[in-house]
């Protein structure tokens, strides 16, 4: 758990990912309030992480703090889930 972010940053940096993108991934697993609007790349990554099913249980013994944020995000972006499923399946098929 303590190395997750450091390893991710190191990997992205080694792959030559631009610093702005690497910075946007920092704390992507930290529970926070659901953003009203997706204003930053960090917001997009956080919401995408939640929509992908990462509910942060491994970070904390109590999931109550992040549950309301997860529910709010799922309600706000529920209409995207079918399209995400289609695109995900297409990507998986292309990589198989």
PDB file of N, CA and C in Angstrom:
ATOM      1  N   UNK A   1       0.822  -1.189   0.000  1.00  0.00           N
ATOM      2  CA  UNK A   1       0.000   0.000   0.000  1.00  0.00           C
ATOM      3  C   UNK A   1       0.871   1.259   0.000  1.00  0.00           C
ATOM      4  N   UNK A   2       1.936   1.261   0.770  1.00  0.00           N
ATOM      5  CA  UNK A   2       2.783   2.444   0.877  1.00  0.00           C
ATOM      6  C   UNK A   2       3.584   2.691  -0.404  1.00  0.00           C
ATOM      7  N   UNK A   3       3.828   1.671  -1.180  1.00  0.00           N
ATOM      8  CA  UNK A   3       4.641   1.802  -2.384  1.00  0.00           C
ATOM      9  C   UNK A   3       3.821   2.040  -3.639  1.00  0.00           C
ATOM     10  N   UNK A   4       2.539   1.853  -3.567  1.00  0.00           N
ATOM     11  CA  UNK A   4       1.667   1.905  -4.746  1.00  0.00           C
ATOM     12  C   UNK A   4       1.914   3.166  -5.574  1.00  0.00           C
ATOM     13  N   UNK A   5       1.811   4.316  -4.947  1.00  0.00           N
ATOM     14  CA  UNK A   5       1.954   5.567  -5.674  1.00  0.00           C
ATOM     15  C   UNK A   5       3.382   5.755  -6.194  1.00  0.00           C
ATOM     16  N   UNK A   6       4.364   5.469  -5.360  1.00  0.00           N
ATOM     17  CA  UNK A   6       5.758   5.642  -5.759  1.00  0.00           C
ATOM     18  C   UNK A   6       6.135   4.785  -6.948  1.00  0.00           C
ATOM     19  N   UNK A   7       5.678   3.550  -6.944  1.00  0.00           N
ATOM     20  CA  UNK A   7       5.966   2.652  -8.064  1.00  0.00           C
ATOM     21  C   UNK A   7       5.273   3.158  -9.322  1.00  0.00           C
ATOM     22  N   UNK A   8       4.024   3.589  -9.180  1.00  0.00           N
ATOM     23  CA  UNK A   8       3.292   4.114 -10.329  1.00  0.00           C
ATOM     24  C   UNK A   8       3.967   5.328 -10.931  1.00  0.00           C
ATOM     25  N   UNK A   9       4.381   6.259 -10.082  1.00  0.00           N
ATOM     26  CA  UNK A   9       5.061   7.464 -10.556  1.00  0.00           C
ATOM     27  C   UNK A   9       6.371   7.095 -11.244  1.00  0.00           C
ATOM     28  N   UNK A  10       7.125   6.199 -10.643  1.00  0.00           N
ATOM     29  CA  UNK A  10       8.393   5.774 -11.246  1.00  0.00           C
ATOM     30  C   UNK A  10       8.171   5.127 -12.605  1.00  0.00           C
ATOM     31  N   UNK A  11       7.188   4.273 -12.701  1.00  0.00           N
ATOM     32  CA  UNK A  11       6.893   3.593 -13.963  1.00  0.00           C
ATOM     33  C   UNK A  11       6.472   4.588 -15.038  1.00  0.00           C
ATOM     34  N   UNK A  12       5.549   5.482 -14.703  1.00  0.00           N
ATOM     35  CA  UNK A  12       5.092   6.464 -15.681  1.00  0.00           C
ATOM     36  C   UNK A  12       6.227   7.382 -16.132  1.00  0.00           C
ATOM     37  N   UNK A  13       7.064   7.786 -15.192  1.00  0.00           N
ATOM     38  CA  UNK A  13       8.197   8.645 -15.521  1.00  0.00           C
ATOM     39  C   UNK A  13       9.179   7.911 -16.431  1.00  0.00           C
ATOM     40  N   UNK A  14       9.462   6.654 -16.111  1.00  0.00           N
ATOM     41  CA  UNK A  14      10.372   5.847 -16.926  1.00  0.00           C
ATOM     42  C   UNK A  14       9.826   5.662 -18.343  1.00  0.00           C
ATOM     43  N   UNK A  15       8.521   5.563 -18.463  1.00  0.00           N
ATOM     44  CA  UNK A  15       7.900   5.405 -19.782  1.00  0.00           C
ATOM     45  C   UNK A  15       7.858   6.711 -20.565  1.00  0.00           C
ATOM     46  N   UNK A  16       8.291   7.798 -19.918  1.00  0.00           N
ATOM     47  CA  UNK A  16       8.325   9.086 -20.612  1.00  0.00           C
ATOM     48  C   UNK A  16       6.996   9.811 -20.650  1.00  0.00           C
ATOM     49  N   UNK A  17       6.100   9.450 -19.749  1.00  0.00           N
ATOM     50  CA  UNK A  17       4.798  10.118 -19.687  1.00  0.00           C
ATOM     51  C   UNK A  17       5.026  11.561 -19.217  1.00  0.00           C
ATOM     52  N   UNK A  18       4.380  12.536 -19.841  1.00  0.00           N
ATOM     53  CA  UNK A  18       4.574  13.932 -19.439  1.00  0.00           C
ATOM     54  C   UNK A  18       4.266  14.159 -17.947  1.00  0.00           C
ATOM     55  N   UNK A  19       5.030  15.071 -17.361  1.00  0.00           N
ATOM     56  CA  UNK A  19       4.938  15.335 -15.925  1.00  0.00           C
ATOM     57  C   UNK A  19       3.524  15.744 -15.494  1.00  0.00           C
ATOM     58  N   UNK A  20       2.810  16.499 -16.322  1.00  0.00           N
ATOM     59  CA  UNK A  20       1.447  16.902 -15.971  1.00  0.00           C
ATOM     60  C   UNK A  20       0.537  15.694 -15.781  1.00  0.00           C
ATOM     61  N   UNK A  21       0.728  14.693 -16.617  1.00  0.00           N
ATOM     62  CA  UNK A  21      -0.092  13.481 -16.504  1.00  0.00           C
ATOM     63  C   UNK A  21       0.327  12.686 -15.275  1.00  0.00           C
ATOM     64  N   UNK A  22       1.617  12.551 -15.056  1.00  0.00           N
ATOM     65  CA  UNK A  22       2.108  11.841 -13.865  1.00  0.00           C
ATOM     66  C   UNK A  22       1.570  12.518 -12.606  1.00  0.00           C
ATOM     67  N   UNK A  23       1.647  13.840 -12.553  1.00  0.00           N
ATOM     68  CA  UNK A  23       1.152  14.576 -11.385  1.00  0.00           C
ATOM     69  C   UNK A  23      -0.342  14.354 -11.160  1.00  0.00           C
ATOM     70  N   UNK A  24      -1.094  14.227 -12.242  1.00  0.00           N
ATOM     71  CA  UNK A  24      -2.542  14.023 -12.125  1.00  0.00           C
ATOM     72  C   UNK A  24      -2.883  12.670 -11.511  1.00  0.00           C
ATOM     73  N   UNK A  25      -1.946  11.718 -11.574  1.00  0.00           N
ATOM     74  CA  UNK A  25      -2.221  10.396 -11.004  1.00  0.00           C
ATOM     75  C   UNK A  25      -1.945  10.324  -9.503  1.00  0.00           C
ATOM     76  N   UNK A  26      -1.258  11.339  -8.981  1.00  0.00           N
ATOM     77  CA  UNK A  26      -0.944  11.331  -7.550  1.00  0.00           C
ATOM     78  C   UNK A  26      -2.230  11.308  -6.738  1.00  0.00           C
ATOM     79  N   UNK A  27      -2.250  10.487  -5.713  1.00  0.00           N
ATOM     80  CA  UNK A  27      -3.395  10.377  -4.792  1.00  0.00           C
ATOM     81  C   UNK A  27      -4.692   9.940  -5.478  1.00  0.00           C
ATOM     82  N   UNK A  28      -4.590   9.242  -6.609  1.00  0.00           N
ATOM     83  CA  UNK A  28      -5.807   8.829  -7.306  1.00  0.00           C
ATOM     84  C   UNK A  28      -6.621   7.801  -6.527  1.00  0.00           C
ATOM     85  N   UNK A  29      -6.027   7.212  -5.511  1.00  0.00           N
ATOM     86  CA  UNK A  29      -6.755   6.252  -4.670  1.00  0.00           C
ATOM     87  C   UNK A  29      -7.267   6.873  -3.376  1.00  0.00           C
ATOM     88  N   UNK A  30      -6.946   8.129  -3.125  1.00  0.00           N
ATOM     89  CA  UNK A  30      -7.354   8.756  -1.878  1.00  0.00           C
ATOM     90  C   UNK A  30      -8.816   9.172  -1.958  1.00  0.00           C
ATOM     91  N   UNK A  31      -9.654   8.634  -1.079  1.00  0.00           N
ATOM     92  CA  UNK A  31     -11.079   9.022  -1.096  1.00  0.00           C
ATOM     93  C   UNK A  31     -11.228  10.525  -0.911  1.00  0.00           C
ATOM     94  N   UNK A  32     -12.137  11.088  -1.660  1.00  0.00           N
ATOM     95  CA  UNK A  32     -12.423  12.522  -1.570  1.00  0.00           C
ATOM     96  C   UNK A  32     -13.851  12.749  -2.024  1.00  0.00           C
ATOM     97  N   UNK A  33     -14.294  13.962  -1.887  1.00  0.00           N
ATOM     98  CA  UNK A  33     -15.645  14.304  -2.326  1.00  0.00           C
ATOM     99  C   UNK A  33     -15.744  14.167  -3.835  1.00  0.00           C
ATOM    100  N   UNK A  34     -16.913  13.798  -4.281  1.00  0.00           N
ATOM    101  CA  UNK A  34     -17.144  13.689  -5.715  1.00  0.00           C
ATOM    102  C   UNK A  34     -17.093  15.084  -6.326  1.00  0.00           C
ATOM    103  N   UNK A  35     -16.301  15.266  -7.386  1.00  0.00           N
ATOM    104  CA  UNK A  35     -16.248  16.592  -8.007  1.00  0.00           C
ATOM    105  C   UNK A  35     -17.569  16.922  -8.691  1.00  0.00           C
ATOM    106  N   UNK A  36     -18.011  18.183  -8.560  1.00  0.00           N
ATOM    107  CA  UNK A  36     -19.243  18.602  -9.238  1.00  0.00           C
ATOM    108  C   UNK A  36     -19.071  18.561 -10.746  1.00  0.00           C
ATOM    109  N   UNK A  37     -17.888  18.966 -11.183  1.00  0.00           N
ATOM    110  CA  UNK A  37     -17.543  18.954 -12.604  1.00  0.00           C
ATOM    111  C   UNK A  37     -16.145  18.367 -12.729  1.00  0.00           C
ATOM    112  N   UNK A  38     -15.883  17.762 -13.860  1.00  0.00           N
ATOM    113  CA  UNK A  38     -14.539  17.273 -14.130  1.00  0.00           C
ATOM    114  C   UNK A  38     -13.743  18.445 -14.674  1.00  0.00           C
ATOM    115  N   UNK A  39     -12.979  19.084 -13.788  1.00  0.00           N
ATOM    116  CA  UNK A  39     -12.262  20.297 -14.169  1.00  0.00           C
ATOM    117  C   UNK A  39     -10.781  20.057 -14.428  1.00  0.00           C
ATOM    118  N   UNK A  40     -10.248  18.982 -13.886  1.00  0.00           N
ATOM    119  CA  UNK A  40      -8.822  18.707 -14.045  1.00  0.00           C
ATOM    120  C   UNK A  40      -8.629  17.264 -14.483  1.00  0.00           C
ATOM    121  N   UNK A  41      -7.444  16.975 -14.975  1.00  0.00           N
ATOM    122  CA  UNK A  41      -7.115  15.597 -15.326  1.00  0.00           C
ATOM    123  C   UNK A  41      -7.158  14.710 -14.079  1.00  0.00           C
ATOM    124  N   UNK A  42      -6.758  15.245 -12.932  1.00  0.00           N
ATOM    125  CA  UNK A  42      -6.831  14.487 -11.682  1.00  0.00           C
ATOM    126  C   UNK A  42      -8.276  14.098 -11.365  1.00  0.00           C
ATOM    127  N   UNK A  43      -9.239  14.983 -11.636  1.00  0.00           N
ATOM    128  CA  UNK A  43     -10.656  14.657 -11.441  1.00  0.00           C
ATOM    129  C   UNK A  43     -11.082  13.512 -12.355  1.00  0.00           C
ATOM    130  N   UNK A  44     -10.650  13.574 -13.606  1.00  0.00           N
ATOM    131  CA  UNK A  44     -11.001  12.537 -14.582  1.00  0.00           C
ATOM    132  C   UNK A  44     -10.435  11.191 -14.135  1.00  0.00           C
ATOM    133  N   UNK A  45      -9.192  11.187 -13.687  1.00  0.00           N
ATOM    134  CA  UNK A  45      -8.552   9.940 -13.242  1.00  0.00           C
ATOM    135  C   UNK A  45      -9.249   9.393 -12.000  1.00  0.00           C
ATOM    136  N   UNK A  46      -9.588  10.267 -11.068  1.00  0.00           N
ATOM    137  CA  UNK A  46     -10.271   9.820  -9.842  1.00  0.00           C
ATOM    138  C   UNK A  46     -11.630   9.213 -10.182  1.00  0.00           C
ATOM    139  N   UNK A  47     -12.423   9.922 -10.971  1.00  0.00           N
ATOM    140  CA  UNK A  47     -13.758   9.424 -11.322  1.00  0.00           C
ATOM    141  C   UNK A  47     -13.635   8.139 -12.139  1.00  0.00           C
ATOM    142  N   UNK A  48     -12.696   8.104 -13.066  1.00  0.00           N
ATOM    143  CA  UNK A  48     -12.480   6.883 -13.842  1.00  0.00           C
ATOM    144  C   UNK A  48     -12.111   5.705 -12.963  1.00  0.00           C
ATOM    145  N   UNK A  49     -11.309   5.965 -11.952  1.00  0.00           N
ATOM    146  CA  UNK A  49     -10.909   4.930 -11.006  1.00  0.00           C
ATOM    147  C   UNK A  49     -12.133   4.368 -10.271  1.00  0.00           C
ATOM    148  N   UNK A  50     -13.013   5.261  -9.855  1.00  0.00           N
ATOM    149  CA  UNK A  50     -14.237   4.828  -9.168  1.00  0.00           C
ATOM    150  C   UNK A  50     -15.126   4.040 -10.123  1.00  0.00           C
ATOM    151  N   UNK A  51     -15.310   4.559 -11.350  1.00  0.00           N
ATOM    152  CA  UNK A  51     -16.155   3.867 -12.323  1.00  0.00           C
ATOM    153  C   UNK A  51     -15.590   2.504 -12.700  1.00  0.00           C
ATOM    154  N   UNK A  52     -14.279   2.357 -12.601  1.00  0.00           N
ATOM    155  CA  UNK A  52     -13.639   1.076 -12.906  1.00  0.00           C
ATOM    156  C   UNK A  52     -13.811   0.068 -11.775  1.00  0.00           C
ATOM    157  N   UNK A  53     -14.371   0.531 -10.663  1.00  0.00           N
ATOM    158  CA  UNK A  53     -14.658  -0.391  -9.567  1.00  0.00           C
ATOM    159  C   UNK A  53     -13.703  -0.303  -8.404  1.00  0.00           C
ATOM    160  N   UNK A  54     -12.783   0.629  -8.417  1.00  0.00           N
ATOM    161  CA  UNK A  54     -11.856   0.782  -7.300  1.00  0.00           C
ATOM    162  C   UNK A  54     -12.505   1.643  -6.236  1.00  0.00           C
ATOM    163  N   UNK A  55     -12.916   1.004  -5.174  1.00  0.00           N
ATOM    164  CA  UNK A  55     -13.637   1.718  -4.121  1.00  0.00           C
ATOM    165  C   UNK A  55     -12.786   1.956  -2.887  1.00  0.00           C
ATOM    166  N   UNK A  56     -11.492   1.814  -3.009  1.00  0.00           N
ATOM    167  CA  UNK A  56     -10.544   2.251  -1.996  1.00  0.00           C
ATOM    168  C   UNK A  56     -10.581   1.483  -0.680  1.00  0.00           C
ATOM    169  N   UNK A  57     -11.218   0.333  -0.644  1.00  0.00           N
ATOM    170  CA  UNK A  57     -11.316  -0.407   0.608  1.00  0.00           C
ATOM    171  C   UNK A  57      -9.947  -0.756   1.184  1.00  0.00           C
ATOM    172  N   UNK A  58      -8.968  -0.961   0.323  1.00  0.00           N
ATOM    173  CA  UNK A  58      -7.653  -1.393   0.787  1.00  0.00           C
ATOM    174  C   UNK A  58      -6.900  -0.280   1.500  1.00  0.00           C
ATOM    175  N   UNK A  59      -7.378   0.966   1.407  1.00  0.00           N
ATOM    176  CA  UNK A  59      -6.692   2.073   2.060  1.00  0.00           C
ATOM    177  C   UNK A  59      -7.098   2.274   3.511  1.00  0.00           C
ATOM    178  N   UNK A  60      -8.262   1.809   3.853  1.00  0.00           N
ATOM    179  CA  UNK A  60      -8.809   2.176   5.153  1.00  0.00           C
ATOM    180  C   UNK A  60      -9.619   1.031   5.729  1.00  0.00           C
ATOM    181  N   UNK A  61      -9.686   1.016   7.025  1.00  0.00           N
ATOM    182  CA  UNK A  61     -10.538   0.011   7.676  1.00  0.00           C
ATOM    183  C   UNK A  61     -11.999   0.392   7.559  1.00  0.00           C
ATOM    184  N   UNK A  62     -12.280   1.666   7.419  1.00  0.00           N
ATOM    185  CA  UNK A  62     -13.647   2.157   7.313  1.00  0.00           C
ATOM    186  C   UNK A  62     -13.905   2.662   5.907  1.00  0.00           C
ATOM    187  N   UNK A  63     -14.936   2.132   5.286  1.00  0.00           N
ATOM    188  CA  UNK A  63     -15.263   2.581   3.934  1.00  0.00           C
ATOM    189  C   UNK A  63     -16.399   3.595   3.949  1.00  0.00           C
ATOM    190  N   UNK A  64     -16.921   3.932   5.112  1.00  0.00           N
ATOM    191  CA  UNK A  64     -18.035   4.872   5.183  1.00  0.00           C
ATOM    192  C   UNK A  64     -17.674   6.232   4.612  1.00  0.00           C
ATOM    193  N   UNK A  65     -16.463   6.684   4.866  1.00  0.00           N
ATOM    194  CA  UNK A  65     -16.043   8.013   4.415  1.00  0.00           C
ATOM    195  C   UNK A  65     -16.082   8.127   2.903  1.00  0.00           C
ATOM    196  N   UNK A  66     -15.701   7.066   2.200  1.00  0.00           N
ATOM    197  CA  UNK A  66     -15.673   7.163   0.746  1.00  0.00           C
ATOM    198  C   UNK A  66     -16.957   6.660   0.105  1.00  0.00           C
ATOM    199  N   UNK A  67     -17.821   5.991   0.841  1.00  0.00           N
ATOM    200  CA  UNK A  67     -19.042   5.434   0.266  1.00  0.00           C
ATOM    201  C   UNK A  67     -19.940   6.493  -0.350  1.00  0.00           C
ATOM    202  N   UNK A  68     -20.109   7.627   0.324  1.00  0.00           N
ATOM    203  CA  UNK A  68     -20.985   8.663  -0.222  1.00  0.00           C
ATOM    204  C   UNK A  68     -20.399   9.248  -1.498  1.00  0.00           C
ATOM    205  N   UNK A  69     -19.084   9.380  -1.565  1.00  0.00           N
ATOM    206  CA  UNK A  69     -18.437   9.876  -2.772  1.00  0.00           C
ATOM    207  C   UNK A  69     -18.622   8.892  -3.922  1.00  0.00           C
ATOM    208  N   UNK A  70     -18.435   7.615  -3.651  1.00  0.00           N
ATOM    209  CA  UNK A  70     -18.599   6.583  -4.684  1.00  0.00           C
ATOM    210  C   UNK A  70     -20.029   6.584  -5.200  1.00  0.00           C
ATOM    211  N   UNK A  71     -21.002   6.639  -4.305  1.00  0.00           N
ATOM    212  CA  UNK A  71     -22.407   6.651  -4.707  1.00  0.00           C
ATOM    213  C   UNK A  71     -22.710   7.885  -5.554  1.00  0.00           C
ATOM    214  N   UNK A  72     -22.204   9.040  -5.138  1.00  0.00           N
ATOM    215  CA  UNK A  72     -22.438  10.274  -5.894  1.00  0.00           C
ATOM    216  C   UNK A  72     -21.832  10.187  -7.293  1.00  0.00           C
ATOM    217  N   UNK A  73     -20.636   9.646  -7.386  1.00  0.00           N
ATOM    218  CA  UNK A  73     -19.988   9.511  -8.697  1.00  0.00           C
ATOM    219  C   UNK A  73     -20.759   8.532  -9.574  1.00  0.00           C
ATOM    220  N   UNK A  74     -21.143   7.413  -9.012  1.00  0.00           N
ATOM    221  CA  UNK A  74     -21.878   6.422  -9.800  1.00  0.00           C
ATOM    222  C   UNK A  74     -23.211   6.989 -10.288  1.00  0.00           C
ATOM    223  N   UNK A  75     -23.885   7.788  -9.454  1.00  0.00           N
ATOM    224  CA  UNK A  75     -25.140   8.424  -9.880  1.00  0.00           C
ATOM    225  C   UNK A  75     -24.888   9.453 -10.975  1.00  0.00           C
ATOM    226  N   UNK A  76     -23.863  10.260 -10.795  1.00  0.00           N
ATOM    227  CA  UNK A  76     -23.586  11.338 -11.745  1.00  0.00           C
ATOM    228  C   UNK A  76     -23.167  10.829 -13.118  1.00  0.00           C
ATOM    229  N   UNK A  77     -22.457   9.714 -13.140  1.00  0.00           N
ATOM    230  CA  UNK A  77     -21.879   9.240 -14.395  1.00  0.00           C
ATOM    231  C   UNK A  77     -22.424   7.886 -14.836  1.00  0.00           C
ATOM    232  N   UNK A  78     -23.548   7.475 -14.264  1.00  0.00           N
ATOM    233  CA  UNK A  78     -24.137   6.175 -14.591  1.00  0.00           C
ATOM    234  C   UNK A  78     -24.446   6.040 -16.076  1.00  0.00           C
ATOM    235  N   UNK A  79     -24.800   7.143 -16.721  1.00  0.00           N
ATOM    236  CA  UNK A  79     -25.143   7.078 -18.141  1.00  0.00           C
ATOM    237  C   UNK A  79     -23.941   6.728 -19.024  1.00  0.00           C
ATOM    238  N   UNK A  80     -22.730   6.886 -18.492  1.00  0.00           N
ATOM    239  CA  UNK A  80     -21.522   6.548 -19.249  1.00  0.00           C
ATOM    240  C   UNK A  80     -21.154   5.070 -19.166  1.00  0.00           C
ATOM    241  N   UNK A  81     -21.680   4.381 -18.171  1.00  0.00           N
ATOM    242  CA  UNK A  81     -21.264   3.000 -17.927  1.00  0.00           C
ATOM    243  C   UNK A  81     -21.497   2.058 -19.109  1.00  0.00           C
ATOM    244  N   UNK A  82     -22.642   2.112 -19.809  1.00  0.00           N
ATOM    245  CA  UNK A  82     -22.795   1.217 -20.975  1.00  0.00           C
ATOM    246  C   UNK A  82     -21.750   1.480 -22.067  1.00  0.00           C
ATOM    247  N   UNK A  83     -21.470   2.751 -22.337  1.00  0.00           N
ATOM    248  CA  UNK A  83     -20.469   3.074 -23.353  1.00  0.00           C
ATOM    249  C   UNK A  83     -19.078   2.627 -22.903  1.00  0.00           C
ATOM    250  N   UNK A  84     -18.773   2.801 -21.621  1.00  0.00           N
ATOM    251  CA  UNK A  84     -17.488   2.354 -21.078  1.00  0.00           C
ATOM    252  C   UNK A  84     -17.352   0.847 -21.250  1.00  0.00           C
ATOM    253  N   UNK A  85     -18.426   0.121 -21.008  1.00  0.00           N
ATOM    254  CA  UNK A  85     -18.418  -1.338 -21.151  1.00  0.00           C
ATOM    255  C   UNK A  85     -18.130  -1.740 -22.600  1.00  0.00           C
ATOM    256  N   UNK A  86     -18.763  -1.074 -23.549  1.00  0.00           N
ATOM    257  CA  UNK A  86     -18.555  -1.380 -24.973  1.00  0.00           C
ATOM    258  C   UNK A  86     -17.104  -1.117 -25.362  1.00  0.00           C
ATOM    259  N   UNK A  87     -16.596   0.053 -24.999  1.00  0.00           N
ATOM    260  CA  UNK A  87     -15.224   0.411 -25.365  1.00  0.00           C
ATOM    261  C   UNK A  87     -14.227  -0.530 -24.683  1.00  0.00           C
ATOM    262  N   UNK A  88     -14.483  -0.865 -23.426  1.00  0.00           N
ATOM    263  CA  UNK A  88     -13.599  -1.796 -22.707  1.00  0.00           C
ATOM    264  C   UNK A  88     -13.555  -3.147 -23.393  1.00  0.00           C
ATOM    265  N   UNK A  89     -14.709  -3.643 -23.789  1.00  0.00           N
ATOM    266  CA  UNK A  89     -14.759  -4.951 -24.477  1.00  0.00           C
ATOM    267  C   UNK A  89     -14.038  -4.891 -25.821  1.00  0.00           C
ATOM    268  N   UNK A  90     -14.171  -3.773 -26.531  1.00  0.00           N
ATOM    269  CA  UNK A  90     -13.458  -3.623 -27.810  1.00  0.00           C
ATOM    270  C   UNK A  90     -11.949  -3.627 -27.592  1.00  0.00           C
ATOM    271  N   UNK A  91     -11.502  -2.932 -26.558  1.00  0.00           N
ATOM    272  CA  UNK A  91     -10.067  -2.896 -26.257  1.00  0.00           C
ATOM    273  C   UNK A  91      -9.559  -4.270 -25.860  1.00  0.00           C
ATOM    274  N   UNK A  92     -10.323  -4.976 -25.037  1.00  0.00           N
ATOM    275  CA  UNK A  92      -9.918  -6.324 -24.632  1.00  0.00           C
ATOM    276  C   UNK A  92      -9.830  -7.257 -25.834  1.00  0.00           C
ATOM    277  N   UNK A  93     -10.803  -7.141 -26.740  1.00  0.00           N
ATOM    278  CA  UNK A  93     -10.792  -7.980 -27.947  1.00  0.00           C
ATOM    279  C   UNK A  93      -9.576  -7.659 -28.819  1.00  0.00           C
ATOM    280  N   UNK A  94      -9.267  -6.387 -28.931  1.00  0.00           N
ATOM    281  CA  UNK A  94      -8.116  -5.992 -29.756  1.00  0.00           C
ATOM    282  C   UNK A  94      -6.794  -6.470 -29.165  1.00  0.00           C
ATOM    283  N   UNK A  95      -6.733  -6.582 -27.867  1.00  0.00           N
ATOM    284  CA  UNK A  95      -5.503  -6.989 -27.202  1.00  0.00           C
ATOM    285  C   UNK A  95      -5.383  -8.513 -27.038  1.00  0.00           C
ATOM    286  N   UNK A  96      -6.446  -9.219 -27.352  1.00  0.00           N
ATOM    287  CA  UNK A  96      -6.429 -10.686 -27.192  1.00  0.00           C
ATOM    288  C   UNK A  96      -5.744 -11.361 -28.344  1.00  0.00           C
TER     289      UNK A  96
END
